[in-house]
Amino acid sequence: MEKYLDSMRRTIELSDTGIEALEHIQLQLNEGYLEQALELFGDVVDAFLQMEQSLALFLPFLPSNQLEEISKQVKNGLEMVAATYEMSGNRKEILNFLDQNVLPDYRLWQGELQRSLQPIIFS
């Protein structure tokens, strides 16, 4: 488990950056900056996928958790935002889906991530 500690720390740090980015995207969408918001959104998707890859390395060693299930919810939400943009580009629809699904699911996932990793990191 020792060999994964640095990766665990970086995953938590990246998850913090992800929530900050999602909140900034929310702000940009509220201000009408759709294109800028979606550029940043692409970075969030890439970061989330990177975190999933990192988690796959040490997930089997973690205590019982809901990370895989919640990850699927987050991924589905991210995919829906991307699909909404591609199909309609409707800023209000994207913002609504971000507010109602992506942010709450991401926060839930981040909380589960911290609950699962912090006891190991700080032990």
C-alpha atoms as a PDB file:
ATOM      1  CA  MET A   1       0.000   0.000   0.000  1.00  0.00           C
ATOM      2  CA  GLU A   2       2.940   2.294   0.695  1.00  0.00           C
ATOM      3  CA  LYS A   3       3.781   2.547  -3.001  1.00  0.00           C
ATOM      4  CA  TYR A   4       0.336   4.052  -3.697  1.00  0.00           C
ATOM      5  CA  LEU A   5       0.374   6.789  -1.045  1.00  0.00           C
ATOM      6  CA  ASP A   6       1.688   9.505  -3.351  1.00  0.00           C
ATOM      7  CA  SER A   7      -0.867   8.606  -6.002  1.00  0.00           C
ATOM      8  CA  MET A   8      -3.625   8.695  -3.373  1.00  0.00           C
ATOM      9  CA  ARG A   9      -2.544  12.157  -2.222  1.00  0.00           C
ATOM     10  CA  ARG A  10      -2.414  13.468  -5.775  1.00  0.00           C
ATOM     11  CA  THR A  11      -5.831  11.980  -6.523  1.00  0.00           C
ATOM     12  CA  ILE A  12      -7.362  13.826  -3.575  1.00  0.00           C
ATOM     13  CA  GLU A  13      -5.633  17.059  -4.616  1.00  0.00           C
ATOM     14  CA  LEU A  14      -6.853  16.668  -8.193  1.00  0.00           C
ATOM     15  CA  SER A  15     -10.380  15.999  -6.943  1.00  0.00           C
ATOM     16  CA  ASP A  16     -10.218  19.338  -5.073  1.00  0.00           C
ATOM     17  CA  THR A  17      -9.121  21.070  -8.266  1.00  0.00           C
ATOM     18  CA  GLY A  18     -11.955  19.328 -10.104  1.00  0.00           C
ATOM     19  CA  ILE A  19     -14.625  20.710  -7.795  1.00  0.00           C
ATOM     20  CA  GLU A  20     -13.133  24.188  -8.082  1.00  0.00           C
ATOM     21  CA  ALA A  21     -13.188  23.864 -11.871  1.00  0.00           C
ATOM     22  CA  LEU A  22     -16.809  22.663 -11.897  1.00  0.00           C
ATOM     23  CA  GLU A  23     -17.827  25.607  -9.721  1.00  0.00           C
ATOM     24  CA  HIS A  24     -15.992  27.955 -12.076  1.00  0.00           C
ATOM     25  CA  ILE A  25     -17.755  26.359 -15.047  1.00  0.00           C
ATOM     26  CA  GLN A  26     -21.037  26.960 -13.259  1.00  0.00           C
ATOM     27  CA  LEU A  27     -20.114  30.629 -12.851  1.00  0.00           C
ATOM     28  CA  GLN A  28     -19.056  30.949 -16.494  1.00  0.00           C
ATOM     29  CA  LEU A  29     -22.314  29.398 -17.678  1.00  0.00           C
ATOM     30  CA  ASN A  30     -24.320  31.725 -15.449  1.00  0.00           C
ATOM     31  CA  GLU A  31     -22.478  34.653 -17.029  1.00  0.00           C
ATOM     32  CA  GLY A  32     -23.119  33.351 -20.556  1.00  0.00           C
ATOM     33  CA  TYR A  33     -19.603  32.144 -21.421  1.00  0.00           C
ATOM     34  CA  LEU A  34     -20.534  28.801 -22.945  1.00  0.00           C
ATOM     35  CA  GLU A  35     -17.427  28.179 -25.054  1.00  0.00           C
ATOM     36  CA  GLN A  36     -14.975  29.057 -22.279  1.00  0.00           C
ATOM     37  CA  ALA A  37     -16.908  26.905 -19.836  1.00  0.00           C
ATOM     38  CA  LEU A  38     -16.811  23.940 -22.164  1.00  0.00           C
ATOM     39  CA  GLU A  39     -13.076  24.237 -22.744  1.00  0.00           C
ATOM     40  CA  LEU A  40     -12.580  23.940 -19.000  1.00  0.00           C
ATOM     41  CA  PHE A  41     -15.180  21.175 -18.894  1.00  0.00           C
ATOM     42  CA  GLY A  42     -12.993  19.113 -21.238  1.00  0.00           C
ATOM     43  CA  ASP A  43     -10.142  19.473 -18.756  1.00  0.00           C
ATOM     44  CA  VAL A  44     -12.410  18.308 -15.929  1.00  0.00           C
ATOM     45  CA  VAL A  45     -13.415  15.234 -17.913  1.00  0.00           C
ATOM     46  CA  ASP A  46      -9.764  14.423 -18.630  1.00  0.00           C
ATOM     47  CA  ALA A  47      -8.856  14.876 -14.957  1.00  0.00           C
ATOM     48  CA  PHE A  48     -11.718  12.672 -13.810  1.00  0.00           C
ATOM     49  CA  LEU A  49     -10.683   9.914 -16.196  1.00  0.00           C
ATOM     50  CA  GLN A  50      -7.109  10.202 -14.926  1.00  0.00           C
ATOM     51  CA  MET A  51      -8.318   9.899 -11.334  1.00  0.00           C
ATOM     52  CA  GLU A  52     -10.319   6.812 -12.255  1.00  0.00           C
ATOM     53  CA  GLN A  53      -7.216   5.232 -13.759  1.00  0.00           C
ATOM     54  CA  SER A  54      -5.233   5.986 -10.618  1.00  0.00           C
ATOM     55  CA  LEU A  55      -7.982   4.598  -8.411  1.00  0.00           C
ATOM     56  CA  ALA A  56      -8.044   1.375 -10.394  1.00  0.00           C
ATOM     57  CA  LEU A  57      -4.510   0.664  -9.168  1.00  0.00           C
ATOM     58  CA  PHE A  58      -5.364   0.668  -5.485  1.00  0.00           C
ATOM     59  CA  LEU A  59      -9.139   0.276  -5.309  1.00  0.00           C
ATOM     60  CA  PRO A  60      -8.887  -3.447  -4.502  1.00  0.00           C
ATOM     61  CA  PHE A  61      -6.823  -2.598  -1.397  1.00  0.00           C
ATOM     62  CA  LEU A  62      -9.264  -0.031  -0.001  1.00  0.00           C
ATOM     63  CA  PRO A  63     -11.840  -0.728   2.683  1.00  0.00           C
ATOM     64  CA  SER A  64     -15.405  -1.225   1.515  1.00  0.00           C
ATOM     65  CA  ASN A  65     -16.655   1.864  -0.334  1.00  0.00           C
ATOM     66  CA  GLN A  66     -19.020   3.137  -2.996  1.00  0.00           C
ATOM     67  CA  LEU A  67     -16.402   4.704  -5.287  1.00  0.00           C
ATOM     68  CA  GLU A  68     -17.114   2.565  -8.340  1.00  0.00           C
ATOM     69  CA  GLU A  69     -20.869   3.115  -8.181  1.00  0.00           C
ATOM     70  CA  ILE A  70     -20.584   6.851  -7.610  1.00  0.00           C
ATOM     71  CA  SER A  71     -17.906   7.119 -10.322  1.00  0.00           C
ATOM     72  CA  LYS A  72     -20.420   5.701 -12.789  1.00  0.00           C
ATOM     73  CA  GLN A  73     -22.925   8.374 -11.781  1.00  0.00           C
ATOM     74  CA  VAL A  74     -20.336  11.128 -12.240  1.00  0.00           C
ATOM     75  CA  LYS A  75     -19.269   9.729 -15.603  1.00  0.00           C
ATOM     76  CA  ASN A  76     -22.882   9.529 -16.769  1.00  0.00           C
ATOM     77  CA  GLY A  77     -23.412  13.127 -15.743  1.00  0.00           C
ATOM     78  CA  LEU A  78     -20.300  14.294 -17.550  1.00  0.00           C
ATOM     79  CA  GLU A  79     -21.409  12.406 -20.651  1.00  0.00           C
ATOM     80  CA  MET A  80     -24.872  13.984 -20.479  1.00  0.00           C
ATOM     81  CA  VAL A  81     -23.405  17.482 -20.301  1.00  0.00           C
ATOM     82  CA  ALA A  82     -21.220  16.732 -23.328  1.00  0.00           C
ATOM     83  CA  ALA A  83     -24.164  15.230 -25.228  1.00  0.00           C
ATOM     84  CA  THR A  84     -26.396  18.192 -24.408  1.00  0.00           C
ATOM     85  CA  TYR A  85     -23.757  20.562 -25.715  1.00  0.00           C
ATOM     86  CA  GLU A  86     -23.316  18.561 -28.913  1.00  0.00           C
ATOM     87  CA  MET A  87     -27.060  18.159 -29.537  1.00  0.00           C
ATOM     88  CA  SER A  88     -28.421  21.558 -28.625  1.00  0.00           C
ATOM     89  CA  GLY A  89     -25.698  23.751 -27.163  1.00  0.00           C
ATOM     90  CA  ASN A  90     -28.358  25.078 -24.817  1.00  0.00           C
ATOM     91  CA  ARG A  91     -26.516  26.855 -22.017  1.00  0.00           C
ATOM     92  CA  LYS A  92     -29.482  26.698 -19.625  1.00  0.00           C
ATOM     93  CA  GLU A  93     -29.924  22.957 -20.121  1.00  0.00           C
ATOM     94  CA  ILE A  94     -26.225  22.374 -19.554  1.00  0.00           C
ATOM     95  CA  LEU A  95     -26.250  24.562 -16.448  1.00  0.00           C
ATOM     96  CA  ASN A  96     -29.326  22.778 -15.111  1.00  0.00           C
ATOM     97  CA  PHE A  97     -27.751  19.369 -15.596  1.00  0.00           C
ATOM     98  CA  LEU A  98     -24.517  20.570 -14.019  1.00  0.00           C
ATOM     99  CA  ASP A  99     -26.408  21.989 -11.019  1.00  0.00           C
ATOM    100  CA  GLN A 100     -28.780  19.062 -10.549  1.00  0.00           C
ATOM    101  CA  ASN A 101     -26.558  16.101 -11.355  1.00  0.00           C
ATOM    102  CA  VAL A 102     -22.872  16.630 -11.997  1.00  0.00           C
ATOM    103  CA  LEU A 103     -21.978  18.838  -9.034  1.00  0.00           C
ATOM    104  CA  PRO A 104     -23.968  16.864  -6.431  1.00  0.00           C
ATOM    105  CA  ASP A 105     -22.640  13.534  -7.744  1.00  0.00           C
ATOM    106  CA  TYR A 106     -19.076  14.837  -7.923  1.00  0.00           C
ATOM    107  CA  ARG A 107     -19.296  16.137  -4.346  1.00  0.00           C
ATOM    108  CA  LEU A 108     -20.637  12.767  -3.218  1.00  0.00           C
ATOM    109  CA  TRP A 109     -17.812  11.000  -5.068  1.00  0.00           C
ATOM    110  CA  GLN A 110     -15.206  13.347  -3.621  1.00  0.00           C
ATOM    111  CA  GLY A 111     -16.507  12.769  -0.099  1.00  0.00           C
ATOM    112  CA  GLU A 112     -16.345   9.005  -0.596  1.00  0.00           C
ATOM    113  CA  LEU A 113     -12.855   9.357  -2.045  1.00  0.00           C
ATOM    114  CA  GLN A 114     -11.672  11.296   0.983  1.00  0.00           C
ATOM    115  CA  ARG A 115     -13.415   8.938   3.399  1.00  0.00           C
ATOM    116  CA  SER A 116     -11.705   5.981   1.741  1.00  0.00           C
ATOM    117  CA  LEU A 117      -8.219   7.395   1.254  1.00  0.00           C
ATOM    118  CA  GLN A 118      -7.511   9.780   4.113  1.00  0.00           C
ATOM    119  CA  PRO A 119      -7.331   7.119   6.860  1.00  0.00           C
ATOM    120  CA  ILE A 120      -4.722   5.280   4.791  1.00  0.00           C
ATOM    121  CA  ILE A 121      -2.751   8.399   3.894  1.00  0.00           C
ATOM    122  CA  PHE A 122      -2.655   9.679   7.476  1.00  0.00           C
ATOM    123  CA  SER A 123      -1.999   6.362   9.194  1.00  0.00           C
END
